Amino acid sequence: VLENPGWYTAYTPYQAEIAQGRMEALLNFQTMVCDLAGMEIANASLLDEATAAAEAMTMFFNMLNKQEHIDRPKFFVDEEIFPQTLDVLLTRAVPVGIEIVVGNYDSAITDETYFGAILQYPNDKGLVIDYREFIASVHNKGAYVVMATDLLALTLLTPPGELGADVACGSAQRFGVPLGFGGPHAAFFSVKEDFKRNIPGRIIGVSIDAQG
């Protein structure tokens, strides 16, 4: 979209036409994310992959601990997650009383004190792992799972939604956003229908009247 001048050069920024172009681009972005991640809903991006993962952690925590008033302080983090994501998770966990537990997903034991878990897919070693059994075990304890993933890889891999994940997030840089001197790139954040009232960020939607 950004490489096509027809979207933006014909109009000044305050004209409705360029706003319409931006809205359509965001709607296309959300649709692409839903298709690749195997999820029902996606927002119109967040800051970067690490903060998107932290938003998922906070969303899970609030849903169980505040909305349902259950005492579940622990969040499992697989040891093969990207280090910058772990750093942000640790920073965001402290003020709200979340206990981060880092370990190997294959030997992790989750119980009713956990409210969620995060996996990297592919992980920081580049390995593609089928996490179905782990995700099912976390769900059996009443907790949620977020997968930090790569959109370009998802053109070939099984989508997180089909593996059972509740949230899929990551960086959209792989689709051509230039490197910004080490700065952040737009993150994607997609969820199952159950989380539509709790998803962070903004959603661009299309209104359909009652008669279709």
Protein backbone atom coordinates (compact mmCIF):
# COMPACT_ATOMS: atom_id res chain seq x y z
CA VAL A 1 0.00 0.00 0.00
CA LEU A 2 2.73 2.48 0.96
CA GLU A 3 4.55 1.86 -2.31
CA ASN A 4 1.49 2.89 -4.31
CA PRO A 5 1.38 6.73 -4.44
CA GLY A 6 -2.23 6.60 -5.56
CA TRP A 7 -3.23 5.99 -1.97
CA TYR A 8 -1.93 9.26 -0.63
CA THR A 9 -0.41 11.75 -3.11
CA ALA A 10 -3.69 12.93 -4.64
CA TYR A 11 -5.07 14.24 -1.38
CA THR A 12 -4.14 16.50 1.50
CA PRO A 13 -4.04 14.76 4.91
CA TYR A 14 -7.31 16.23 6.17
CA GLN A 15 -9.39 15.12 3.19
CA ALA A 16 -11.79 12.24 3.68
CA GLU A 17 -10.33 10.31 0.75
CA ILE A 18 -6.91 9.76 2.34
CA ALA A 19 -8.56 8.78 5.63
CA GLN A 20 -10.60 6.24 3.66
CA GLY A 21 -7.40 4.86 2.14
CA ARG A 22 -5.79 4.50 5.55
CA MET A 23 -8.86 2.77 6.93
CA GLU A 24 -8.96 0.32 4.03
CA ALA A 25 -5.25 -0.42 4.45
CA LEU A 26 -5.75 -1.16 8.17
CA LEU A 27 -8.75 -3.36 7.43
CA ASN A 28 -6.66 -5.30 4.90
CA PHE A 29 -3.89 -5.63 7.50
CA GLN A 30 -6.29 -7.03 10.10
CA THR A 31 -7.78 -9.47 7.59
CA MET A 32 -4.33 -10.72 6.57
CA VAL A 33 -3.32 -11.23 10.22
CA CYS A 34 -6.50 -13.18 10.98
CA ASP A 35 -5.97 -15.41 7.94
CA LEU A 36 -2.31 -16.17 8.70
CA ALA A 37 -2.72 -16.58 12.47
CA GLY A 38 -5.91 -18.63 12.27
CA MET A 39 -7.73 -16.25 14.60
CA GLU A 40 -11.13 -14.54 14.48
CA ILE A 41 -10.14 -10.98 15.43
CA ALA A 42 -7.05 -8.79 14.98
CA ASN A 43 -6.44 -5.19 16.03
CA ALA A 44 -4.95 -2.38 13.95
CA SER A 45 -1.45 -3.02 15.38
CA LEU A 46 0.50 -2.27 18.56
CA LEU A 47 4.00 -0.93 19.17
CA ASP A 48 6.27 -3.96 18.74
CA GLU A 49 6.42 -7.71 19.39
CA ALA A 50 7.68 -7.48 22.97
CA THR A 51 5.02 -5.03 24.14
CA ALA A 52 2.34 -7.00 22.27
CA ALA A 53 3.37 -10.09 24.25
CA ALA A 54 3.19 -8.06 27.45
CA GLU A 55 -0.30 -6.84 26.50
CA ALA A 56 -1.39 -10.47 26.07
CA MET A 57 0.04 -11.37 29.48
CA THR A 58 -1.75 -8.43 31.12
CA MET A 59 -5.02 -9.26 29.34
CA PHE A 60 -4.91 -12.88 30.58
CA PHE A 61 -4.04 -11.74 34.12
CA ASN A 62 -6.90 -9.23 34.27
CA MET A 63 -9.45 -11.66 32.86
CA LEU A 64 -8.82 -14.30 35.53
CA ASN A 65 -7.60 -12.30 38.52
CA LYS A 66 -9.77 -9.18 38.26
CA GLN A 67 -12.85 -10.12 36.25
CA GLU A 68 -13.28 -13.61 37.68
CA HIS A 69 -11.59 -12.86 41.03
CA ILE A 70 -9.32 -15.91 40.94
CA ASP A 71 -5.88 -15.79 42.57
CA ARG A 72 -3.52 -16.91 39.79
CA PRO A 73 -0.23 -14.95 39.97
CA LYS A 74 2.08 -17.06 37.77
CA PHE A 75 2.88 -16.71 34.06
CA PHE A 76 5.02 -19.32 32.31
CA VAL A 77 7.62 -18.16 29.78
CA ASP A 78 9.39 -20.71 27.62
CA GLU A 79 13.16 -20.29 27.86
CA GLU A 80 13.53 -20.14 24.07
CA ILE A 81 11.60 -16.89 23.71
CA PHE A 82 13.35 -13.82 22.28
CA PRO A 83 15.40 -12.09 25.03
CA GLN A 84 13.96 -8.64 24.36
CA THR A 85 10.46 -10.04 24.82
CA LEU A 86 11.42 -11.60 28.14
CA ASP A 87 12.88 -8.29 29.32
CA VAL A 88 9.63 -6.44 28.61
CA LEU A 89 7.55 -9.17 30.24
CA LEU A 90 9.65 -8.96 33.41
CA THR A 91 9.38 -5.17 33.48
CA ARG A 92 5.61 -5.14 33.00
CA ALA A 93 5.03 -7.96 35.50
CA VAL A 94 6.50 -6.26 38.56
CA PRO A 95 4.00 -3.39 39.10
CA VAL A 96 0.92 -5.63 38.89
CA GLY A 97 2.26 -8.53 40.96
CA ILE A 98 2.75 -11.13 38.24
CA GLU A 99 5.28 -13.89 38.96
CA ILE A 100 7.25 -14.83 35.83
CA VAL A 101 8.37 -18.47 35.70
CA VAL A 102 10.94 -19.23 32.98
CA GLY A 103 11.54 -22.83 31.96
CA ASN A 104 11.43 -25.47 29.26
CA TYR A 105 7.92 -26.04 27.96
CA ASP A 106 8.64 -29.77 27.55
CA SER A 107 9.30 -30.30 31.25
CA ALA A 108 7.15 -27.51 32.70
CA ILE A 109 4.48 -28.37 35.23
CA THR A 110 1.62 -25.88 35.22
CA ASP A 111 -1.13 -25.92 37.82
CA GLU A 112 -4.03 -23.74 38.98
CA THR A 113 -1.64 -21.00 40.17
CA TYR A 114 -0.83 -20.13 36.53
CA PHE A 115 -3.02 -17.79 34.53
CA GLY A 116 -1.15 -18.15 31.25
CA ALA A 117 1.91 -19.06 29.22
CA ILE A 118 3.87 -17.76 26.23
CA LEU A 119 5.67 -19.68 23.49
CA GLN A 120 7.88 -18.53 20.61
CA TYR A 121 7.00 -19.99 17.20
CA PRO A 122 9.50 -20.50 15.58
CA ASN A 123 11.63 -20.19 18.72
CA ASP A 124 14.86 -18.21 19.15
CA LYS A 125 16.86 -21.17 17.76
CA GLY A 126 14.74 -21.19 14.60
CA LEU A 127 13.06 -24.47 15.54
CA VAL A 128 9.44 -25.15 14.64
CA ILE A 129 7.76 -27.15 17.41
CA ASP A 130 4.27 -28.58 17.61
CA TYR A 131 2.99 -27.17 20.89
CA ARG A 132 -0.48 -28.79 20.79
CA GLU A 133 0.02 -31.00 23.86
CA PHE A 134 1.47 -28.21 25.99
CA ILE A 135 -1.29 -25.80 25.00
CA ALA A 136 -3.92 -28.41 25.82
CA SER A 137 -2.36 -29.01 29.23
CA VAL A 138 -2.42 -25.29 30.02
CA HIS A 139 -6.06 -25.06 28.94
CA ASN A 140 -6.90 -28.03 31.15
CA LYS A 141 -5.74 -25.95 34.12
CA GLY A 142 -8.02 -23.09 33.10
CA ALA A 143 -5.20 -20.86 31.82
CA TYR A 144 -4.47 -19.20 28.46
CA VAL A 145 -1.64 -19.35 25.90
CA VAL A 146 -0.11 -16.66 23.69
CA MET A 147 2.22 -17.51 20.83
CA ALA A 148 4.74 -14.91 19.67
CA THR A 149 5.22 -15.72 16.02
CA ASP A 150 6.33 -14.55 12.60
CA LEU A 151 3.80 -13.63 9.91
CA LEU A 152 6.00 -14.65 7.00
CA ALA A 153 6.67 -18.04 8.59
CA LEU A 154 2.92 -18.49 9.03
CA THR A 155 2.49 -18.55 5.25
CA LEU A 156 3.92 -22.09 5.51
CA LEU A 157 3.44 -23.19 9.14
CA THR A 158 0.34 -24.40 10.94
CA PRO A 159 -1.38 -21.26 12.32
CA PRO A 160 -1.34 -20.71 16.11
CA GLY A 161 -5.14 -20.77 16.11
CA GLU A 162 -5.11 -24.33 14.77
CA LEU A 163 -2.57 -25.33 17.43
CA GLY A 164 -5.00 -24.10 20.09
CA ALA A 165 -3.40 -20.79 21.08
CA ASP A 166 -5.67 -18.05 22.43
CA VAL A 167 -3.54 -15.16 21.15
CA ALA A 168 -0.98 -14.80 18.35
CA CYS A 169 1.24 -11.73 18.25
CA GLY A 170 4.51 -10.59 16.74
CA SER A 171 6.21 -8.01 14.53
CA ALA A 172 4.92 -7.04 11.10
CA GLN A 173 8.38 -5.90 9.98
CA ARG A 174 8.74 -9.03 7.84
CA PHE A 175 6.26 -7.59 5.35
CA GLY A 176 8.46 -4.76 4.19
CA VAL A 177 8.44 -2.04 6.87
CA PRO A 178 11.99 -0.61 6.69
CA LEU A 179 14.31 -0.89 9.66
CA GLY A 180 13.91 2.33 11.66
CA PHE A 181 17.40 2.77 13.13
CA GLY A 182 16.66 -0.03 15.60
CA GLY A 183 13.28 1.40 16.54
CA PRO A 184 10.00 -0.46 16.86
CA HIS A 185 7.88 -1.80 14.03
CA ALA A 186 4.14 -2.30 13.98
CA ALA A 187 3.10 -5.36 15.94
CA PHE A 188 0.14 -7.56 15.12
CA PHE A 189 -2.18 -8.89 17.81
CA SER A 190 -4.90 -11.45 17.07
CA VAL A 191 -7.28 -13.29 19.36
CA LYS A 192 -10.08 -15.81 19.50
CA GLU A 193 -13.67 -14.56 19.62
CA ASP A 194 -13.76 -15.07 23.42
CA PHE A 195 -11.37 -12.14 23.91
CA LYS A 196 -13.18 -9.55 21.77
CA ARG A 197 -14.13 -7.41 24.79
CA ASN A 198 -10.60 -7.39 26.19
CA ILE A 199 -8.31 -7.02 23.16
CA PRO A 200 -5.96 -4.01 23.49
CA GLY A 201 -5.57 -1.32 20.85
CA ARG A 202 -8.02 -0.26 18.17
CA ILE A 203 -10.05 -2.34 15.74
CA ILE A 204 -11.09 -1.14 12.30
CA GLY A 205 -14.47 -2.67 11.53
CA VAL A 206 -17.14 -2.72 8.88
CA SER A 207 -20.73 -2.06 9.88
CA ILE A 208 -23.44 -4.28 8.41
CA ASP A 209 -27.08 -3.33 8.90
CA ALA A 210 -29.71 -5.74 10.19
CA GLN A 211 -30.99 -6.42 6.69
CA GLY A 212 -27.58 -7.52 5.39
